[in-house]
Amino acid sequence: MIRPIPAELATAANATVLRQVEGLSAHSDIADVLRSAVKPLGDVLLYCPDWQQYRYVVAATRGIIFGLAAGMHTIAFRLDPRMKSRALLTGGEAYPGCGDDWVAVMHHRPDADWPAVDVPFWARKAYLHARDG
């Protein structure tokens, strides 16, 4: 059953993100990566329109979506300009479909020759940015 978007997320600040993820799915493995990364952060709302059908997952605080999981490999975060620059320099990819401040920090499965992405680090930076915003 598809759950409606919570009223606190159905805002102009989130409209671009929600349009981008509409109709996308998220494999349970990638959704679990996001869920684990935001678990220690405190005031976080995780929303998925249908957990049984593996729809996309977004993470929000104070009504601002700051992270998402989509597809089989994508974790993206809304970052301030300084952290966005660092994310891009360290292997992240711009994720402009959600807005200029979004970066996909995990966009493929790392193999043995690539270091693991520190998703909790980027989640914390995006969470703090959303709370300051």
Protein backbone atom coordinates (compact mmCIF):
# COMPACT_ATOMS: atom_id res chain seq x y z
CA MET A 1 0.00 0.00 0.00
CA ILE A 2 1.39 3.38 -0.99
CA ARG A 3 1.51 5.83 1.87
CA PRO A 4 0.96 9.50 1.11
CA ILE A 5 3.82 11.95 1.54
CA PRO A 6 3.66 13.37 5.07
CA ALA A 7 2.40 16.95 5.13
CA GLU A 8 5.63 18.14 6.75
CA LEU A 9 7.59 16.94 3.68
CA ALA A 10 5.15 18.20 1.04
CA THR A 11 6.76 21.64 0.92
CA ALA A 12 8.34 23.90 -1.69
CA ALA A 13 11.78 23.18 -0.17
CA ASN A 14 11.35 19.47 -0.96
CA ALA A 15 9.41 19.68 -4.23
CA THR A 16 12.40 19.12 -6.55
CA VAL A 17 13.58 16.11 -4.56
CA LEU A 18 10.13 14.55 -4.44
CA ARG A 19 9.68 15.02 -8.19
CA GLN A 20 13.07 13.38 -8.80
CA VAL A 21 12.38 10.29 -6.72
CA GLU A 22 8.74 9.82 -7.71
CA GLY A 23 8.39 6.37 -9.22
CA LEU A 24 11.92 5.27 -8.25
CA SER A 25 12.66 2.17 -6.25
CA ALA A 26 15.38 1.43 -3.71
CA HIS A 27 16.80 -2.03 -3.18
CA SER A 28 16.49 -3.09 0.44
CA ASP A 29 20.31 -3.24 0.78
CA ILE A 30 20.77 0.41 -0.21
CA ALA A 31 17.77 1.50 1.89
CA ASP A 32 19.40 -0.23 4.87
CA VAL A 33 22.64 1.69 4.27
CA LEU A 34 20.74 4.98 4.55
CA ARG A 35 18.69 3.77 7.53
CA SER A 36 21.84 2.73 9.42
CA ALA A 37 23.64 5.98 8.58
CA VAL A 38 20.88 8.21 9.98
CA LYS A 39 19.93 6.06 12.96
CA PRO A 40 22.26 7.81 15.46
CA LEU A 41 21.33 11.33 14.34
CA GLY A 42 18.28 11.93 16.50
CA ASP A 43 15.35 13.83 14.99
CA VAL A 44 15.11 12.04 11.63
CA LEU A 45 12.01 11.05 9.72
CA LEU A 46 12.50 8.19 7.25
CA TYR A 47 9.80 8.08 4.62
CA CYS A 48 9.17 5.40 2.02
CA PRO A 49 5.90 5.30 0.13
CA ASP A 50 5.88 1.48 0.18
CA TRP A 51 8.48 -0.53 2.11
CA GLN A 52 7.09 -3.84 0.77
CA GLN A 53 7.61 -2.79 -2.86
CA TYR A 54 11.08 -1.29 -2.21
CA ARG A 55 10.18 2.24 -3.21
CA TYR A 56 12.66 5.12 -2.71
CA VAL A 57 13.57 6.22 0.82
CA VAL A 58 14.16 9.79 1.98
CA ALA A 59 15.54 11.07 5.27
CA ALA A 60 14.39 14.41 6.68
CA THR A 61 14.77 16.58 9.73
CA ARG A 62 12.73 19.65 10.60
CA GLY A 63 10.76 19.11 7.40
CA ILE A 64 13.82 19.25 5.11
CA ILE A 65 14.78 16.19 3.08
CA PHE A 66 18.54 15.80 3.40
CA GLY A 67 19.21 12.27 2.17
CA LEU A 68 17.85 9.62 -0.14
CA ALA A 69 18.33 6.05 -1.25
CA ALA A 70 17.34 5.01 -4.77
CA GLY A 71 18.03 2.18 -7.16
CA MET A 72 20.55 -0.45 -6.22
CA HIS A 73 23.54 1.79 -5.53
CA THR A 74 22.62 5.44 -4.92
CA ILE A 75 22.82 7.29 -1.64
CA ALA A 76 22.67 11.07 -2.08
CA PHE A 77 22.75 13.98 0.35
CA ARG A 78 21.94 17.70 0.37
CA LEU A 79 25.19 19.39 1.43
CA ASP A 80 26.40 22.91 2.07
CA PRO A 81 28.80 24.32 -0.56
CA ARG A 82 31.97 23.45 1.39
CA MET A 83 30.95 19.84 2.02
CA LYS A 84 29.60 19.46 -1.52
CA SER A 85 33.01 20.48 -2.85
CA ARG A 86 34.74 17.95 -0.60
CA ALA A 87 32.30 15.21 -1.56
CA LEU A 88 32.95 15.84 -5.25
CA LEU A 89 36.72 15.85 -4.70
CA THR A 90 36.56 12.51 -2.91
CA GLY A 91 34.55 10.57 -5.47
CA GLY A 92 31.00 11.85 -5.10
CA GLU A 93 28.98 12.77 -8.17
CA ALA A 94 26.67 15.74 -8.60
CA TYR A 95 23.03 14.71 -8.31
CA PRO A 96 21.42 17.74 -9.99
CA GLY A 97 17.99 16.16 -10.40
CA CYS A 98 17.38 16.96 -6.74
CA GLY A 99 18.99 20.40 -6.84
CA ASP A 100 22.38 22.06 -7.05
CA ASP A 101 23.31 21.13 -3.49
CA TRP A 102 22.91 17.36 -3.89
CA VAL A 103 25.74 14.84 -4.24
CA ALA A 104 25.55 11.08 -4.70
CA VAL A 105 28.24 9.81 -2.35
CA MET A 106 27.56 6.16 -3.08
CA HIS A 107 26.76 5.64 -6.71
CA HIS A 108 28.17 2.19 -7.29
CA ARG A 109 29.26 -0.75 -5.23
CA PRO A 110 32.88 -0.35 -4.27
CA ASP A 111 35.14 -3.20 -5.30
CA ALA A 112 38.27 -4.37 -3.52
CA ASP A 113 40.34 -1.58 -5.10
CA TRP A 114 38.14 1.24 -3.76
CA PRO A 115 37.90 2.36 -0.13
CA ALA A 116 34.49 2.14 1.47
CA VAL A 117 32.39 5.30 1.40
CA ASP A 118 31.82 6.81 4.84
CA VAL A 119 28.05 7.18 4.46
CA PRO A 120 27.48 8.02 8.17
CA PHE A 121 29.93 10.95 7.83
CA TRP A 122 28.04 12.41 4.86
CA ALA A 123 24.68 11.73 6.53
CA ARG A 124 25.81 13.70 9.60
CA LYS A 125 27.02 16.63 7.48
CA ALA A 126 23.76 16.72 5.50
CA TYR A 127 21.69 16.42 8.70
CA LEU A 128 23.50 19.34 10.31
CA HIS A 129 23.12 21.42 7.15
CA ALA A 130 19.36 20.74 7.07
CA ARG A 131 19.01 21.66 10.73
CA ASP A 132 20.97 24.91 10.26
CA GLY A 133 19.12 25.82 7.08
